[in-house]
PDB file of all heavy atoms in Angstrom:
ATOM      1  N   VAL A   1     -83.527 111.987 -49.883  1.00  0.00           N
ATOM      2  CA  VAL A   1     -82.627 111.893 -48.719  1.00  0.00           C
ATOM      3  C   VAL A   1     -82.612 110.463 -48.237  1.00  0.00           C
ATOM      4  O   VAL A   1     -83.595 109.837 -48.055  1.00  0.00           O
ATOM      5  CB  VAL A   1     -83.133 112.793 -47.571  1.00  0.00           C
ATOM      6  CG1 VAL A   1     -82.296 112.627 -46.331  1.00  0.00           C
ATOM      7  CG2 VAL A   1     -83.159 114.273 -47.944  1.00  0.00           C
ATOM      8  N   ALA A   2     -81.356 109.962 -48.065  1.00  0.00           N
ATOM      9  CA  ALA A   2     -81.177 108.607 -47.478  1.00  0.00           C
ATOM     10  C   ALA A   2     -80.845 108.766 -46.042  1.00  0.00           C
ATOM     11  O   ALA A   2     -80.069 109.653 -45.622  1.00  0.00           O
ATOM     12  CB  ALA A   2     -80.090 107.939 -48.214  1.00  0.00           C
ATOM     13  N   VAL A   3     -81.429 107.938 -45.153  1.00  0.00           N
ATOM     14  CA  VAL A   3     -81.146 107.927 -43.721  1.00  0.00           C
ATOM     15  C   VAL A   3     -80.634 106.560 -43.361  1.00  0.00           C
ATOM     16  O   VAL A   3     -81.334 105.567 -43.612  1.00  0.00           O
ATOM     17  CB  VAL A   3     -82.383 108.310 -42.904  1.00  0.00           C
ATOM     18  CG1 VAL A   3     -82.045 108.275 -41.403  1.00  0.00           C
ATOM     19  CG2 VAL A   3     -82.898 109.701 -43.222  1.00  0.00           C
ATOM     20  N   ILE A   4     -79.510 106.502 -42.810  1.00  0.00           N
ATOM     21  CA  ILE A   4     -78.908 105.223 -42.452  1.00  0.00           C
ATOM     22  C   ILE A   4     -78.981 105.106 -40.888  1.00  0.00           C
ATOM     23  O   ILE A   4     -78.363 105.862 -40.162  1.00  0.00           O
ATOM     24  CB  ILE A   4     -77.414 105.101 -42.863  1.00  0.00           C
ATOM     25  CG1 ILE A   4     -77.293 105.214 -44.370  1.00  0.00           C
ATOM     26  CG2 ILE A   4     -76.803 103.832 -42.376  1.00  0.00           C
ATOM     27  CD1 ILE A   4     -75.913 105.285 -44.898  1.00  0.00           C
ATOM     28  N   GLY A   5     -79.712 104.069 -40.447  1.00  0.00           N
ATOM     29  CA  GLY A   5     -79.941 103.903 -39.010  1.00  0.00           C
ATOM     30  C   GLY A   5     -81.425 104.149 -38.753  1.00  0.00           C
ATOM     31  O   GLY A   5     -81.896 105.335 -38.943  1.00  0.00           O
ATOM     32  N   ALA A   6     -82.140 103.179 -38.248  1.00  0.00           N
ATOM     33  CA  ALA A   6     -83.601 103.363 -38.008  1.00  0.00           C
ATOM     34  C   ALA A   6     -83.920 103.331 -36.514  1.00  0.00           C
ATOM     35  O   ALA A   6     -84.941 102.930 -36.109  1.00  0.00           O
ATOM     36  CB  ALA A   6     -84.395 102.214 -38.671  1.00  0.00           C
ATOM     37  N   GLY A   7     -82.973 103.785 -35.687  1.00  0.00           N
ATOM     38  CA  GLY A   7     -83.227 103.921 -34.250  1.00  0.00           C
ATOM     39  C   GLY A   7     -84.027 105.168 -34.023  1.00  0.00           C
ATOM     40  O   GLY A   7     -84.667 105.717 -34.916  1.00  0.00           O
ATOM     41  N   THR A   8     -84.092 105.593 -32.772  1.00  0.00           N
ATOM     42  CA  THR A   8     -84.911 106.746 -32.385  1.00  0.00           C
ATOM     43  C   THR A   8     -84.570 107.954 -33.228  1.00  0.00           C
ATOM     44  O   THR A   8     -85.459 108.632 -33.715  1.00  0.00           O
ATOM     45  CB  THR A   8     -84.742 107.082 -30.914  1.00  0.00           C
ATOM     46  OG1 THR A   8     -85.073 105.952 -30.138  1.00  0.00           O
ATOM     47  CG2 THR A   8     -85.564 108.208 -30.484  1.00  0.00           C
ATOM     48  N   MET A   9     -83.311 108.316 -33.362  1.00  0.00           N
ATOM     49  CA  MET A   9     -82.849 109.483 -34.099  1.00  0.00           C
ATOM     50  C   MET A   9     -83.121 109.333 -35.594  1.00  0.00           C
ATOM     51  O   MET A   9     -83.649 110.217 -36.294  1.00  0.00           O
ATOM     52  CB  MET A   9     -81.405 109.861 -33.836  1.00  0.00           C
ATOM     53  CG  MET A   9     -81.200 110.399 -32.448  1.00  0.00           C
ATOM     54  SD  MET A   9     -82.189 111.803 -31.993  1.00  0.00           S
ATOM     55  CE  MET A   9     -81.820 112.962 -33.322  1.00  0.00           C
ATOM     56  N   GLY A  10     -82.733 108.119 -36.159  1.00  0.00           N
ATOM     57  CA  GLY A  10     -82.871 107.903 -37.568  1.00  0.00           C
ATOM     58  C   GLY A  10     -84.286 108.004 -38.057  1.00  0.00           C
ATOM     59  O   GLY A  10     -84.622 108.714 -39.070  1.00  0.00           O
ATOM     60  N   ILE A  11     -85.227 107.339 -37.352  1.00  0.00           N
ATOM     61  CA  ILE A  11     -86.611 107.373 -37.695  1.00  0.00           C
ATOM     62  C   ILE A  11     -87.227 108.736 -37.561  1.00  0.00           C
ATOM     63  O   ILE A  11     -88.056 109.182 -38.384  1.00  0.00           O
ATOM     64  CB  ILE A  11     -87.450 106.314 -36.957  1.00  0.00           C
ATOM     65  CG1 ILE A  11     -88.727 106.010 -37.630  1.00  0.00           C
ATOM     66  CG2 ILE A  11     -87.684 106.804 -35.551  1.00  0.00           C
ATOM     67  CD1 ILE A  11     -88.605 105.141 -38.929  1.00  0.00           C
ATOM     68  N   GLY A  12     -86.758 109.524 -36.554  1.00  0.00           N
ATOM     69  CA  GLY A  12     -87.138 110.922 -36.372  1.00  0.00           C
ATOM     70  C   GLY A  12     -86.704 111.776 -37.464  1.00  0.00           C
ATOM     71  O   GLY A  12     -87.468 112.619 -38.005  1.00  0.00           O
ATOM     72  N   ILE A  13     -85.434 111.621 -37.926  1.00  0.00           N
ATOM     73  CA  ILE A  13     -84.966 112.432 -39.062  1.00  0.00           C
ATOM     74  C   ILE A  13     -85.650 112.094 -40.345  1.00  0.00           C
ATOM     75  O   ILE A  13     -86.035 113.008 -41.187  1.00  0.00           O
ATOM     76  CB  ILE A  13     -83.434 112.181 -39.190  1.00  0.00           C
ATOM     77  CG1 ILE A  13     -82.712 112.750 -37.985  1.00  0.00           C
ATOM     78  CG2 ILE A  13     -82.895 112.853 -40.467  1.00  0.00           C
ATOM     79  CD1 ILE A  13     -81.221 112.353 -37.902  1.00  0.00           C
ATOM     80  N   ALA A  14     -85.984 110.803 -40.521  1.00  0.00           N
ATOM     81  CA  ALA A  14     -86.697 110.386 -41.749  1.00  0.00           C
ATOM     82  C   ALA A  14     -88.134 111.045 -41.791  1.00  0.00           C
ATOM     83  O   ALA A  14     -88.539 111.504 -42.783  1.00  0.00           O
ATOM     84  CB  ALA A  14     -86.881 108.853 -41.684  1.00  0.00           C
ATOM     85  N   GLN A  15     -88.753 111.132 -40.605  1.00  0.00           N
ATOM     86  CA  GLN A  15     -90.057 111.758 -40.477  1.00  0.00           C
ATOM     87  C   GLN A  15     -89.976 113.249 -40.876  1.00  0.00           C
ATOM     88  O   GLN A  15     -90.790 113.797 -41.557  1.00  0.00           O
ATOM     89  CB  GLN A  15     -90.616 111.574 -39.121  1.00  0.00           C
ATOM     90  CG  GLN A  15     -91.982 112.250 -38.905  1.00  0.00           C
ATOM     91  CD  GLN A  15     -92.527 112.057 -37.523  1.00  0.00           C
ATOM     92  OE1 GLN A  15     -92.274 111.084 -36.822  1.00  0.00           O
ATOM     93  NE2 GLN A  15     -93.316 113.047 -37.081  1.00  0.00           N
ATOM     94  N   VAL A  16     -88.885 113.905 -40.318  1.00  0.00           N
ATOM     95  CA  VAL A  16     -88.741 115.387 -40.611  1.00  0.00           C
ATOM     96  C   VAL A  16     -88.566 115.580 -42.120  1.00  0.00           C
ATOM     97  O   VAL A  16     -89.243 116.494 -42.653  1.00  0.00           O
ATOM     98  CB  VAL A  16     -87.474 115.862 -39.889  1.00  0.00           C
ATOM     99  CG1 VAL A  16     -87.090 117.321 -40.361  1.00  0.00           C
ATOM    100  CG2 VAL A  16     -87.710 115.887 -38.373  1.00  0.00           C
ATOM    101  N   ALA A  17     -87.728 114.779 -42.782  1.00  0.00           N
ATOM    102  CA  ALA A  17     -87.496 115.003 -44.223  1.00  0.00           C
ATOM    103  C   ALA A  17     -88.757 114.680 -45.005  1.00  0.00           C
ATOM    104  O   ALA A  17     -89.086 115.407 -45.979  1.00  0.00           O
ATOM    105  CB  ALA A  17     -86.356 114.065 -44.680  1.00  0.00           C
ATOM    106  N   ALA A  18     -89.467 113.592 -44.611  1.00  0.00           N
ATOM    107  CA  ALA A  18     -90.673 113.232 -45.359  1.00  0.00           C
ATOM    108  C   ALA A  18     -91.798 114.279 -45.165  1.00  0.00           C
ATOM    109  O   ALA A  18     -92.552 114.547 -46.074  1.00  0.00           O
ATOM    110  CB  ALA A  18     -91.163 111.843 -44.895  1.00  0.00           C
ATOM    111  N   SER A  19     -91.859 114.895 -44.011  1.00  0.00           N
ATOM    112  CA  SER A  19     -92.824 115.914 -43.697  1.00  0.00           C
ATOM    113  C   SER A  19     -92.580 117.161 -44.605  1.00  0.00           C
ATOM    114  O   SER A  19     -93.519 117.932 -44.868  1.00  0.00           O
ATOM    115  CB  SER A  19     -92.773 116.344 -42.206  1.00  0.00           C
ATOM    116  OG  SER A  19     -93.163 115.234 -41.373  1.00  0.00           O
ATOM    117  N   ALA A  20     -91.351 117.287 -45.038  1.00  0.00           N
ATOM    118  CA  ALA A  20     -90.994 118.438 -45.950  1.00  0.00           C
ATOM    119  C   ALA A  20     -91.255 118.075 -47.394  1.00  0.00           C
ATOM    120  O   ALA A  20     -91.005 118.839 -48.291  1.00  0.00           O
ATOM    121  CB  ALA A  20     -89.586 118.834 -45.745  1.00  0.00           C
ATOM    122  N   GLY A  21     -91.830 116.874 -47.698  1.00  0.00           N
ATOM    123  CA  GLY A  21     -92.153 116.472 -49.039  1.00  0.00           C
ATOM    124  C   GLY A  21     -91.043 115.771 -49.732  1.00  0.00           C
ATOM    125  O   GLY A  21     -91.210 115.575 -50.990  1.00  0.00           O
ATOM    126  N   LEU A  22     -89.932 115.458 -49.030  1.00  0.00           N
ATOM    127  CA  LEU A  22     -88.803 114.837 -49.774  1.00  0.00           C
ATOM    128  C   LEU A  22     -89.021 113.326 -49.775  1.00  0.00           C
ATOM    129  O   LEU A  22     -89.620 112.752 -48.855  1.00  0.00           O
ATOM    130  CB  LEU A  22     -87.525 115.168 -49.066  1.00  0.00           C
ATOM    131  CG  LEU A  22     -87.108 116.667 -48.996  1.00  0.00           C
ATOM    132  CD1 LEU A  22     -85.785 116.816 -48.267  1.00  0.00           C
ATOM    133  CD2 LEU A  22     -87.041 117.236 -50.388  1.00  0.00           C
ATOM    134  N   ARG A  23     -88.484 112.699 -50.782  1.00  0.00           N
ATOM    135  CA  ARG A  23     -88.481 111.245 -50.828  1.00  0.00           C
ATOM    136  C   ARG A  23     -87.350 110.766 -49.866  1.00  0.00           C
ATOM    137  O   ARG A  23     -86.243 111.269 -49.872  1.00  0.00           O
ATOM    138  CB  ARG A  23     -88.184 110.768 -52.238  1.00  0.00           C
ATOM    139  CG  ARG A  23     -88.136 109.222 -52.374  1.00  0.00           C
ATOM    140  CD  ARG A  23     -87.624 108.855 -53.744  1.00  0.00           C
ATOM    141  NE  ARG A  23     -87.483 107.465 -53.883  1.00  0.00           N
ATOM    142  CZ  ARG A  23     -86.649 106.811 -54.708  1.00  0.00           C
ATOM    143  NH1 ARG A  23     -85.828 107.526 -55.545  1.00  0.00           N
ATOM    144  NH2 ARG A  23     -86.583 105.548 -54.734  1.00  0.00           N
ATOM    145  N   VAL A  24     -87.630 109.781 -49.067  1.00  0.00           N
ATOM    146  CA  VAL A  24     -86.788 109.271 -48.024  1.00  0.00           C
ATOM    147  C   VAL A  24     -86.476 107.831 -48.248  1.00  0.00           C
ATOM    148  O   VAL A  24     -87.412 107.020 -48.348  1.00  0.00           O
ATOM    149  CB  VAL A  24     -87.324 109.488 -46.640  1.00  0.00           C
ATOM    150  CG1 VAL A  24     -86.309 108.973 -45.588  1.00  0.00           C
ATOM    151  CG2 VAL A  24     -87.529 110.961 -46.349  1.00  0.00           C
ATOM    152  N   LEU A  25     -85.236 107.453 -48.306  1.00  0.00           N
ATOM    153  CA  LEU A  25     -84.817 106.076 -48.318  1.00  0.00           C
ATOM    154  C   LEU A  25     -84.231 105.679 -46.965  1.00  0.00           C
ATOM    155  O   LEU A  25     -83.241 106.285 -46.543  1.00  0.00           O
ATOM    156  CB  LEU A  25     -83.725 105.793 -49.457  1.00  0.00           C
ATOM    157  CG  LEU A  25     -84.173 106.187 -50.854  1.00  0.00           C
ATOM    158  CD1 LEU A  25     -82.950 106.043 -51.842  1.00  0.00           C
ATOM    159  CD2 LEU A  25     -85.280 105.290 -51.321  1.00  0.00           C
ATOM    160  N   LEU A  26     -84.821 104.770 -46.306  1.00  0.00           N
ATOM    161  CA  LEU A  26     -84.477 104.377 -44.918  1.00  0.00           C
ATOM    162  C   LEU A  26     -83.758 103.028 -44.879  1.00  0.00           C
ATOM    163  O   LEU A  26     -84.271 102.038 -45.424  1.00  0.00           O
ATOM    164  CB  LEU A  26     -85.665 104.389 -44.036  1.00  0.00           C
ATOM    165  CG  LEU A  26     -85.445 104.114 -42.516  1.00  0.00           C
ATOM    166  CD1 LEU A  26     -84.576 105.224 -41.935  1.00  0.00           C
ATOM    167  CD2 LEU A  26     -86.801 104.040 -41.814  1.00  0.00           C
ATOM    168  N   PHE A  27     -82.540 102.991 -44.369  1.00  0.00           N
ATOM    169  CA  PHE A  27     -81.805 101.741 -44.354  1.00  0.00           C
ATOM    170  C   PHE A  27     -81.264 101.440 -42.895  1.00  0.00           C
ATOM    171  O   PHE A  27     -80.801 102.406 -42.232  1.00  0.00           O
ATOM    172  CB  PHE A  27     -80.594 101.822 -45.288  1.00  0.00           C
ATOM    173  CG  PHE A  27     -79.652 100.627 -45.212  1.00  0.00           C
ATOM    174  CD1 PHE A  27     -80.041  99.392 -45.720  1.00  0.00           C
ATOM    175  CD2 PHE A  27     -78.420 100.803 -44.557  1.00  0.00           C
ATOM    176  CE1 PHE A  27     -79.150  98.330 -45.549  1.00  0.00           C
ATOM    177  CE2 PHE A  27     -77.575  99.703 -44.454  1.00  0.00           C
ATOM    178  CZ  PHE A  27     -77.950  98.462 -44.925  1.00  0.00           C
ATOM    179  N   ASP A  28     -81.254 100.202 -42.566  1.00  0.00           N
ATOM    180  CA  ASP A  28     -80.662  99.767 -41.326  1.00  0.00           C
ATOM    181  C   ASP A  28     -80.208  98.336 -41.591  1.00  0.00           C
ATOM    182  O   ASP A  28     -80.904  97.522 -42.224  1.00  0.00           O
ATOM    183  CB  ASP A  28     -81.644  99.772 -40.150  1.00  0.00           C
ATOM    184  CG  ASP A  28     -80.988  99.675 -38.792  1.00  0.00           C
ATOM    185  OD1 ASP A  28     -80.348  98.653 -38.535  1.00  0.00           O
ATOM    186  OD2 ASP A  28     -81.063 100.677 -37.989  1.00  0.00           O
ATOM    187  N   VAL A  29     -79.017  98.024 -41.080  1.00  0.00           N
ATOM    188  CA  VAL A  29     -78.459  96.682 -41.248  1.00  0.00           C
ATOM    189  C   VAL A  29     -79.365  95.665 -40.565  1.00  0.00           C
ATOM    190  O   VAL A  29     -79.427  94.486 -40.971  1.00  0.00           O
ATOM    191  CB  VAL A  29     -76.997  96.567 -40.709  1.00  0.00           C
ATOM    192  CG1 VAL A  29     -76.083  97.347 -41.603  1.00  0.00           C
ATOM    193  CG2 VAL A  29     -76.911  96.982 -39.235  1.00  0.00           C
ATOM    194  N   ASN A  30     -80.082  96.064 -39.544  1.00  0.00           N
ATOM    195  CA  ASN A  30     -81.015  95.190 -38.867  1.00  0.00           C
ATOM    196  C   ASN A  30     -82.414  95.504 -39.396  1.00  0.00           C
ATOM    197  O   ASN A  30     -83.078  96.438 -39.013  1.00  0.00           O
ATOM    198  CB  ASN A  30     -80.949  95.441 -37.351  1.00  0.00           C
ATOM    199  CG  ASN A  30     -81.750  94.397 -36.559  1.00  0.00           C
ATOM    200  OD1 ASN A  30     -82.778  93.955 -36.993  1.00  0.00           O
ATOM    201  ND2 ASN A  30     -81.270  94.024 -35.391  1.00  0.00           N
ATOM    202  N   GLN A  31     -82.893  94.685 -40.317  1.00  0.00           N
ATOM    203  CA  GLN A  31     -84.141  94.976 -40.970  1.00  0.00           C
ATOM    204  C   GLN A  31     -85.347  94.812 -40.026  1.00  0.00           C
ATOM    205  O   GLN A  31     -86.370  95.495 -40.175  1.00  0.00           O
ATOM    206  CB  GLN A  31     -84.338  94.016 -42.208  1.00  0.00           C
ATOM    207  CG  GLN A  31     -83.361  94.258 -43.355  1.00  0.00           C
ATOM    208  CD  GLN A  31     -83.758  95.545 -44.059  1.00  0.00           C
ATOM    209  OE1 GLN A  31     -84.866  95.722 -44.565  1.00  0.00           O
ATOM    210  NE2 GLN A  31     -82.773  96.437 -44.186  1.00  0.00           N
ATOM    211  N   GLU A  32     -85.136  94.014 -38.999  1.00  0.00           N
ATOM    212  CA  GLU A  32     -86.194  93.859 -38.000  1.00  0.00           C
ATOM    213  C   GLU A  32     -86.376  95.137 -37.213  1.00  0.00           C
ATOM    214  O   GLU A  32     -87.542  95.553 -36.957  1.00  0.00           O
ATOM    215  CB  GLU A  32     -85.854  92.758 -37.040  1.00  0.00           C
ATOM    216  CG  GLU A  32     -86.972  92.402 -36.008  1.00  0.00           C
ATOM    217  CD  GLU A  32     -86.673  91.220 -35.164  1.00  0.00           C
ATOM    218  OE1 GLU A  32     -85.802  90.407 -35.504  1.00  0.00           O
ATOM    219  OE2 GLU A  32     -87.302  91.110 -34.081  1.00  0.00           O
ATOM    220  N   VAL A  33     -85.296  95.759 -36.821  1.00  0.00           N
ATOM    221  CA  VAL A  33     -85.364  97.107 -36.129  1.00  0.00           C
ATOM    222  C   VAL A  33     -85.981  98.104 -37.071  1.00  0.00           C
ATOM    223  O   VAL A  33     -86.833  98.904 -36.554  1.00  0.00           O
ATOM    224  CB  VAL A  33     -83.936  97.555 -35.771  1.00  0.00           C
ATOM    225  CG1 VAL A  33     -83.957  99.010 -35.314  1.00  0.00           C
ATOM    226  CG2 VAL A  33     -83.381  96.679 -34.635  1.00  0.00           C
ATOM    227  N   LEU A  34     -85.666  98.056 -38.341  1.00  0.00           N
ATOM    228  CA  LEU A  34     -86.228  98.987 -39.244  1.00  0.00           C
ATOM    229  C   LEU A  34     -87.743  98.861 -39.354  1.00  0.00           C
ATOM    230  O   LEU A  34     -88.504  99.841 -39.273  1.00  0.00           O
ATOM    231  CB  LEU A  34     -85.598  98.840 -40.642  1.00  0.00           C
ATOM    232  CG  LEU A  34     -85.800  99.892 -41.700  1.00  0.00           C
ATOM    233  CD1 LEU A  34     -84.687  99.905 -42.708  1.00  0.00           C
ATOM    234  CD2 LEU A  34     -87.111  99.705 -42.420  1.00  0.00           C
ATOM    235  N   ARG A  35     -88.179  97.652 -39.542  1.00  0.00           N
ATOM    236  CA  ARG A  35     -89.671  97.355 -39.628  1.00  0.00           C
ATOM    237  C   ARG A  35     -90.365  97.774 -38.312  1.00  0.00           C
ATOM    238  O   ARG A  35     -91.466  98.414 -38.356  1.00  0.00           O
ATOM    239  CB  ARG A  35     -89.962  95.909 -39.981  1.00  0.00           C
ATOM    240  CG  ARG A  35     -89.615  95.501 -41.395  1.00  0.00           C
ATOM    241  CD  ARG A  35     -90.126  94.128 -41.672  1.00  0.00           C
ATOM    242  NE  ARG A  35     -89.411  93.092 -40.919  1.00  0.00           N
ATOM    243  CZ  ARG A  35     -88.358  92.484 -41.247  1.00  0.00           C
ATOM    244  NH1 ARG A  35     -87.778  92.740 -42.415  1.00  0.00           N
ATOM    245  NH2 ARG A  35     -87.767  91.513 -40.510  1.00  0.00           N
ATOM    246  N   HIS A  36     -89.790  97.438 -37.191  1.00  0.00           N
ATOM    247  CA  HIS A  36     -90.373  97.834 -35.925  1.00  0.00           C
ATOM    248  C   HIS A  36     -90.505  99.372 -35.769  1.00  0.00           C
ATOM    249  O   HIS A  36     -91.511  99.888 -35.342  1.00  0.00           O
ATOM    250  CB  HIS A  36     -89.513  97.235 -34.789  1.00  0.00           C
ATOM    251  CG  HIS A  36     -89.999  97.617 -33.426  1.00  0.00           C
ATOM    252  ND1 HIS A  36     -91.220  97.082 -32.853  1.00  0.00           N
ATOM    253  CD2 HIS A  36     -89.529  98.551 -32.480  1.00  0.00           C
ATOM    254  CE1 HIS A  36     -91.350  97.597 -31.645  1.00  0.00           C
ATOM    255  NE2 HIS A  36     -90.396  98.434 -31.389  1.00  0.00           N
ATOM    256  N   SER A  37     -89.444 100.060 -36.131  1.00  0.00           N
ATOM    257  CA  SER A  37     -89.447 101.525 -36.021  1.00  0.00           C
ATOM    258  C   SER A  37     -90.443 102.162 -36.946  1.00  0.00           C
ATOM    259  O   SER A  37     -91.213 103.103 -36.521  1.00  0.00           O
ATOM    260  CB  SER A  37     -88.042 102.096 -36.348  1.00  0.00           C
ATOM    261  OG  SER A  37     -87.161 101.699 -35.406  1.00  0.00           O
ATOM    262  N   LEU A  38     -90.603 101.693 -38.178  1.00  0.00           N
ATOM    263  CA  LEU A  38     -91.596 102.160 -39.092  1.00  0.00           C
ATOM    264  C   LEU A  38     -92.984 101.903 -38.601  1.00  0.00           C
ATOM    265  O   LEU A  38     -93.887 102.798 -38.699  1.00  0.00           O
ATOM    266  CB  LEU A  38     -91.398 101.561 -40.449  1.00  0.00           C
ATOM    267  CG  LEU A  38     -90.446 102.223 -41.419  1.00  0.00           C
ATOM    268  CD1 LEU A  38     -90.275 101.420 -42.727  1.00  0.00           C
ATOM    269  CD2 LEU A  38     -90.930 103.619 -41.789  1.00  0.00           C
ATOM    270  N   THR A  39     -93.194 100.685 -38.036  1.00  0.00           N
ATOM    271  CA  THR A  39     -94.556 100.344 -37.515  1.00  0.00           C
ATOM    272  C   THR A  39     -94.914 101.301 -36.360  1.00  0.00           C
ATOM    273  O   THR A  39     -95.994 101.825 -36.255  1.00  0.00           O
ATOM    274  CB  THR A  39     -94.596  98.921 -37.039  1.00  0.00           C
ATOM    275  OG1 THR A  39     -94.285  98.083 -38.174  1.00  0.00           O
ATOM    276  CG2 THR A  39     -95.922  98.523 -36.434  1.00  0.00           C
TER     277      THR A  39
END
């Protein structure tokens, strides 16, 4: 599952999919926002 947007909703959806054992590709045009959300 690919998730585009690493804001509050995007990172939450990525967590839901990963919790189900799926591979998740997370993308955001703002890589700094992406790193901050993951951290």
